[in-house]
Amino acid sequence: RLRLENGGPGAARSLLKARESLDDGDFEGASRAARAAIADRPEWGLAHATLAEALNASRGRGAVDAAQRATELNPELVEAWRELGDAYLEMR
């Protein structure tokens, strides 16, 4: 089950849309939805980690920054650390 931390309803809807888009292979749509969640709740680590995941999947720029921000906001968020590692691997 998705743990929504302290995200508001708009951020939660955007994050769920990002997750659905990722599952459908729509990485651009996932990036847009994750950015919308971040705009609503910039302190929400899970939204930054989801953005990093979308950027990693599309080999887009900014994944390292998004994942680093996620780890800063929520150091216990395993997804953030995973995406940070993936982002560094993609840079090779």
N, C-alpha and C. Protein backbone atom coordinates (compact mmCIF):
# COMPACT_ATOMS: atom_id res chain seq x y z
N ARG A 1 0.84 -1.19 0.00
CA ARG A 1 0.00 0.00 0.00
C ARG A 1 0.87 1.25 0.00
N LEU A 2 0.49 2.23 -0.77
CA LEU A 2 1.25 3.47 -0.90
C LEU A 2 1.09 4.30 0.37
N ARG A 3 2.22 4.64 0.98
CA ARG A 3 2.20 5.49 2.17
C ARG A 3 2.35 6.93 1.72
N LEU A 4 1.37 7.75 2.00
CA LEU A 4 1.32 9.10 1.46
C LEU A 4 1.96 10.15 2.35
N GLU A 5 2.66 9.76 3.41
CA GLU A 5 3.35 10.70 4.29
C GLU A 5 2.42 11.86 4.63
N ASN A 6 2.88 13.10 4.36
CA ASN A 6 2.11 14.30 4.71
C ASN A 6 1.57 15.01 3.48
N GLY A 7 1.42 14.31 2.38
CA GLY A 7 0.93 14.94 1.16
C GLY A 7 -0.54 15.31 1.27
N GLY A 8 -0.90 16.41 0.63
CA GLY A 8 -2.30 16.83 0.60
C GLY A 8 -3.05 16.07 -0.47
N PRO A 9 -4.37 16.28 -0.54
CA PRO A 9 -5.19 15.54 -1.51
C PRO A 9 -4.78 15.79 -2.96
N GLY A 10 -4.43 17.04 -3.30
CA GLY A 10 -4.00 17.31 -4.68
C GLY A 10 -2.70 16.61 -4.99
N ALA A 11 -1.78 16.65 -4.04
CA ALA A 11 -0.50 15.97 -4.23
C ALA A 11 -0.70 14.46 -4.32
N ALA A 12 -1.59 13.93 -3.51
CA ALA A 12 -1.86 12.48 -3.54
C ALA A 12 -2.43 12.06 -4.88
N ARG A 13 -3.37 12.84 -5.40
CA ARG A 13 -3.94 12.52 -6.72
C ARG A 13 -2.87 12.56 -7.80
N SER A 14 -2.04 13.58 -7.75
CA SER A 14 -0.97 13.71 -8.74
C SER A 14 0.02 12.55 -8.63
N LEU A 15 0.33 12.16 -7.41
CA LEU A 15 1.28 11.07 -7.22
C LEU A 15 0.69 9.74 -7.70
N LEU A 16 -0.57 9.52 -7.45
CA LEU A 16 -1.22 8.30 -7.95
C LEU A 16 -1.25 8.30 -9.48
N LYS A 17 -1.48 9.44 -10.08
CA LYS A 17 -1.44 9.56 -11.53
C LYS A 17 -0.03 9.25 -12.05
N ALA A 18 0.97 9.74 -11.35
CA ALA A 18 2.36 9.46 -11.74
C ALA A 18 2.63 7.96 -11.68
N ARG A 19 2.16 7.31 -10.63
CA ARG A 19 2.36 5.86 -10.48
C ARG A 19 1.66 5.11 -11.61
N GLU A 20 0.43 5.50 -11.93
CA GLU A 20 -0.30 4.85 -13.02
C GLU A 20 0.42 5.05 -14.35
N SER A 21 0.92 6.26 -14.56
CA SER A 21 1.64 6.55 -15.80
C SER A 21 2.92 5.72 -15.89
N LEU A 22 3.63 5.58 -14.79
CA LEU A 22 4.83 4.74 -14.79
C LEU A 22 4.46 3.30 -15.14
N ASP A 23 3.40 2.80 -14.52
CA ASP A 23 2.97 1.43 -14.78
C ASP A 23 2.57 1.23 -16.24
N ASP A 24 2.06 2.29 -16.87
CA ASP A 24 1.64 2.22 -18.28
C ASP A 24 2.79 2.50 -19.24
N GLY A 25 3.97 2.84 -18.72
CA GLY A 25 5.10 3.15 -19.58
C GLY A 25 5.09 4.57 -20.12
N ASP A 26 4.23 5.41 -19.57
CA ASP A 26 4.15 6.82 -19.99
C ASP A 26 5.05 7.64 -19.06
N PHE A 27 6.34 7.65 -19.36
CA PHE A 27 7.30 8.28 -18.47
C PHE A 27 7.20 9.80 -18.47
N GLU A 28 6.84 10.36 -19.61
CA GLU A 28 6.65 11.82 -19.68
C GLU A 28 5.45 12.23 -18.83
N GLY A 29 4.36 11.48 -18.94
CA GLY A 29 3.18 11.76 -18.13
C GLY A 29 3.47 11.58 -16.64
N ALA A 30 4.28 10.58 -16.32
CA ALA A 30 4.66 10.36 -14.92
C ALA A 30 5.48 11.53 -14.40
N SER A 31 6.39 12.03 -15.22
CA SER A 31 7.20 13.18 -14.82
C SER A 31 6.32 14.41 -14.57
N ARG A 32 5.37 14.65 -15.47
CA ARG A 32 4.47 15.80 -15.30
C ARG A 32 3.67 15.67 -14.01
N ALA A 33 3.13 14.49 -13.77
CA ALA A 33 2.30 14.29 -12.58
C ALA A 33 3.14 14.40 -11.30
N ALA A 34 4.36 13.86 -11.32
CA ALA A 34 5.22 13.97 -10.14
C ALA A 34 5.59 15.43 -9.88
N ARG A 35 5.85 16.17 -10.95
CA ARG A 35 6.16 17.60 -10.79
C ARG A 35 4.96 18.36 -10.21
N ALA A 36 3.75 17.96 -10.59
CA ALA A 36 2.55 18.59 -10.04
C ALA A 36 2.44 18.30 -8.54
N ALA A 37 2.76 17.07 -8.14
CA ALA A 37 2.74 16.73 -6.71
C ALA A 37 3.77 17.55 -5.96
N ILE A 38 4.95 17.73 -6.56
CA ILE A 38 6.01 18.52 -5.92
C ILE A 38 5.59 19.99 -5.81
N ALA A 39 4.91 20.49 -6.83
CA ALA A 39 4.45 21.88 -6.78
C ALA A 39 3.47 22.08 -5.63
N ASP A 40 2.65 21.06 -5.37
CA ASP A 40 1.67 21.15 -4.29
C ASP A 40 2.31 20.93 -2.92
N ARG A 41 3.27 20.00 -2.85
CA ARG A 41 3.92 19.64 -1.59
C ARG A 41 5.43 19.48 -1.81
N PRO A 42 6.16 20.59 -1.91
CA PRO A 42 7.59 20.49 -2.20
C PRO A 42 8.40 19.76 -1.12
N GLU A 43 7.84 19.63 0.06
CA GLU A 43 8.55 18.95 1.15
C GLU A 43 8.31 17.44 1.16
N TRP A 44 7.61 16.95 0.18
CA TRP A 44 7.18 15.55 0.15
C TRP A 44 8.23 14.70 -0.57
N GLY A 45 9.01 13.96 0.18
CA GLY A 45 10.09 13.14 -0.38
C GLY A 45 9.63 12.12 -1.39
N LEU A 46 8.48 11.50 -1.15
CA LEU A 46 7.99 10.48 -2.06
C LEU A 46 7.72 11.04 -3.45
N ALA A 47 7.26 12.27 -3.53
CA ALA A 47 7.02 12.89 -4.84
C ALA A 47 8.34 13.08 -5.59
N HIS A 48 9.37 13.50 -4.89
CA HIS A 48 10.69 13.67 -5.52
C HIS A 48 11.25 12.32 -5.96
N ALA A 49 11.05 11.29 -5.14
CA ALA A 49 11.52 9.95 -5.51
C ALA A 49 10.78 9.43 -6.74
N THR A 50 9.50 9.72 -6.82
CA THR A 50 8.72 9.29 -7.98
C THR A 50 9.17 10.03 -9.24
N LEU A 51 9.46 11.30 -9.10
CA LEU A 51 10.01 12.05 -10.24
C LEU A 51 11.34 11.43 -10.67
N ALA A 52 12.19 11.11 -9.73
CA ALA A 52 13.47 10.48 -10.07
C ALA A 52 13.25 9.16 -10.79
N GLU A 53 12.27 8.38 -10.34
CA GLU A 53 11.97 7.11 -11.00
C GLU A 53 11.54 7.33 -12.45
N ALA A 54 10.67 8.32 -12.66
CA ALA A 54 10.21 8.61 -14.02
C ALA A 54 11.36 9.09 -14.90
N LEU A 55 12.21 9.94 -14.35
CA LEU A 55 13.35 10.44 -15.12
C LEU A 55 14.36 9.32 -15.40
N ASN A 56 14.57 8.44 -14.44
CA ASN A 56 15.45 7.29 -14.67
C ASN A 56 14.89 6.40 -15.77
N ALA A 57 13.59 6.17 -15.73
CA ALA A 57 12.96 5.28 -16.72
C ALA A 57 13.07 5.84 -18.14
N SER A 58 13.00 7.16 -18.24
CA SER A 58 13.07 7.79 -19.56
C SER A 58 14.48 8.25 -19.91
N ARG A 59 15.43 7.96 -19.01
CA ARG A 59 16.82 8.40 -19.17
C ARG A 59 16.89 9.93 -19.28
N GLY A 60 15.97 10.58 -18.57
CA GLY A 60 15.92 12.04 -18.58
C GLY A 60 16.91 12.64 -17.59
N ARG A 61 17.21 13.89 -17.82
CA ARG A 61 18.11 14.62 -16.92
C ARG A 61 17.38 15.01 -15.64
N GLY A 62 18.13 15.14 -14.59
CA GLY A 62 17.57 15.61 -13.34
C GLY A 62 17.25 14.52 -12.35
N ALA A 63 17.44 13.26 -12.72
CA ALA A 63 17.10 12.17 -11.81
C ALA A 63 17.96 12.20 -10.55
N VAL A 64 19.24 12.48 -10.70
CA VAL A 64 20.12 12.53 -9.52
C VAL A 64 19.64 13.62 -8.57
N ASP A 65 19.35 14.80 -9.11
CA ASP A 65 18.90 15.91 -8.25
C ASP A 65 17.60 15.57 -7.54
N ALA A 66 16.65 14.98 -8.27
CA ALA A 66 15.36 14.63 -7.66
C ALA A 66 15.54 13.58 -6.57
N ALA A 67 16.36 12.59 -6.84
CA ALA A 67 16.57 11.53 -5.85
C ALA A 67 17.33 12.06 -4.64
N GLN A 68 18.32 12.91 -4.88
CA GLN A 68 19.05 13.50 -3.74
C GLN A 68 18.11 14.31 -2.87
N ARG A 69 17.23 15.08 -3.50
CA ARG A 69 16.28 15.88 -2.72
C ARG A 69 15.37 14.96 -1.91
N ALA A 70 14.94 13.87 -2.51
CA ALA A 70 14.08 12.91 -1.81
C ALA A 70 14.79 12.35 -0.58
N THR A 71 16.09 12.00 -0.71
CA THR A 71 16.82 11.46 0.44
C THR A 71 17.03 12.51 1.51
N GLU A 72 17.17 13.76 1.12
CA GLU A 72 17.31 14.84 2.10
C GLU A 72 16.01 15.03 2.89
N LEU A 73 14.90 14.97 2.17
CA LEU A 73 13.60 15.20 2.80
C LEU A 73 13.16 14.02 3.67
N ASN A 74 13.51 12.82 3.23
CA ASN A 74 13.09 11.63 3.96
C ASN A 74 14.20 10.58 3.87
N PRO A 75 15.19 10.65 4.76
CA PRO A 75 16.33 9.74 4.70
C PRO A 75 15.95 8.26 4.88
N GLU A 76 14.78 7.98 5.39
CA GLU A 76 14.34 6.59 5.59
C GLU A 76 13.58 6.03 4.39
N LEU A 77 13.41 6.81 3.36
CA LEU A 77 12.62 6.40 2.20
C LEU A 77 13.49 5.54 1.27
N VAL A 78 13.27 4.24 1.32
CA VAL A 78 14.07 3.30 0.55
C VAL A 78 13.99 3.60 -0.94
N GLU A 79 12.81 3.97 -1.43
CA GLU A 79 12.64 4.27 -2.85
C GLU A 79 13.57 5.38 -3.31
N ALA A 80 13.79 6.37 -2.44
CA ALA A 80 14.65 7.49 -2.79
C ALA A 80 16.09 7.01 -2.99
N TRP A 81 16.57 6.18 -2.08
CA TRP A 81 17.94 5.67 -2.18
C TRP A 81 18.09 4.77 -3.40
N ARG A 82 17.07 3.96 -3.67
CA ARG A 82 17.11 3.09 -4.86
C ARG A 82 17.22 3.93 -6.13
N GLU A 83 16.39 4.98 -6.22
CA GLU A 83 16.41 5.82 -7.41
C GLU A 83 17.72 6.61 -7.53
N LEU A 84 18.30 6.98 -6.40
CA LEU A 84 19.59 7.67 -6.43
C LEU A 84 20.66 6.74 -7.00
N GLY A 85 20.67 5.50 -6.55
CA GLY A 85 21.61 4.52 -7.09
C GLY A 85 21.39 4.29 -8.57
N ASP A 86 20.13 4.15 -8.98
CA ASP A 86 19.82 3.95 -10.40
C ASP A 86 20.27 5.15 -11.22
N ALA A 87 20.06 6.35 -10.70
CA ALA A 87 20.45 7.56 -11.43
C ALA A 87 21.96 7.60 -11.64
N TYR A 88 22.71 7.23 -10.61
CA TYR A 88 24.17 7.20 -10.75
C TYR A 88 24.60 6.13 -11.75
N LEU A 89 23.92 5.00 -11.76
CA LEU A 89 24.24 3.96 -12.73
C LEU A 89 23.96 4.42 -14.15
N GLU A 90 22.88 5.16 -14.34
CA GLU A 90 22.53 5.65 -15.68
C GLU A 90 23.55 6.66 -16.20
N MET A 91 24.28 7.31 -15.28
CA MET A 91 25.27 8.30 -15.70
C MET A 91 26.53 7.65 -16.27
N ARG A 92 26.72 6.37 -16.02
CA ARG A 92 27.93 5.68 -16.47
C ARG A 92 27.95 5.49 -17.95
